[in-house]
Amino acid sequence: MNQYLSLSPEVQEALSTGKPVVALESTIISHGMPYPQNVETALRVEQTIRDNGAVPATIAIIGGQLKAGCTPEEIEYLGKKGPAVIKASRRDLPVLIARKEDGATTVTTTMIIAAMAGIKIFATGGIGGVHRHAQQTFDISADLDELAQTPVMVICAGAKSILDLGLTLEYLETKGVPVIGYQTNELPAFYTRHSGFEVDYRIDTPEELAAAFKAKIDCGLKGGMLVTNPIPEEYSMPKEVIDCAIDHAIQDMEAAGIHGKQCTPFLLAKVKDLTGGDSLAANIQLVLNNARLAARTARAMCAL
């Protein structure tokens, strides 16, 4: 066991006895939503996973320890500390560990720690990707390279719609990452079910998702698998409404000179304000939806 990795007793017991476990990120707690909705949502997501027959493992870095399975008190701590917690990607891990600092895990670091722990399924909101105007800025999320090298299935509602979705798909294709649409042929775009871009394959059941990922692992193929699960129809926002809000948010971000890891938190907060809070409500529902599918897929993996 990695000396820096700490498993909660519940997660340790589940992994040692072959029970299904689902990893969850912590950036959504510290940077994705305001307090107290962030803590309430995190606990609801954990309960949703339990209700669907799996064990949740919220992942974070606390006091330099890589935690796979956070207590409610630790989730509350991260939620209250909010953006003061460092948003930790792969490059940040060694320094945070050495300094015994806290870190909220992105998709990238959640995948890394999940793989260390032996957790194969991870539910999140949306992945990062190629940012708009990346031809000039070279702003490409580390999530994409992590998907190319770390053997974890990531279940999400697509790439965040603040990104360049076409270039994100091209990058994933180059890296050999399969992009699966769950019960859809179209890439969902986080707040909305529609993007206008096609996925690589459509898969309609958790059992087939599990079988495809097991085949990838058994063949020794490097990297993970991206499963895009559309936000439920009743919570999907009209594409034209969300696109308009994103365009305004990007203009404000560029005027403020914001770049790097601060882009996504700024844009999500601005879109929430521009949509009168509708985007936050949609964000919560899509995460719960992904948690349900992840739990069922983790159960199917354990049955193989």
Foldseek 3Di string as FASTA:
>chain_A
DPPQEDEDPVLVVCVVVLFFEAEEFFLCQQQVDAPPVSLVLVVVLQVLLVVLRGGYFYWWQAQLHTYGRDDSVVSVVSNVCHPVAAADAPVCNVVCNVRRGIYTYALRVSLVSCLVSVHAEYEYEAHEAAAPPCVPVVDGDPNLVQQLAGRHEYEYQYHALLGDRVVRLVSNVVSVAAEEEAQDQARGHRLAGHDPHGGPYYDHALLVVLVVSVVCVVVVRGGYYYYHYHQPPVLRDPPVLLVVQSVVQVVVCVVVVDDDPVNVSSSSVSSCVSVVNSSVVSSSRRSSVRSSSRSRNSNSNSVD
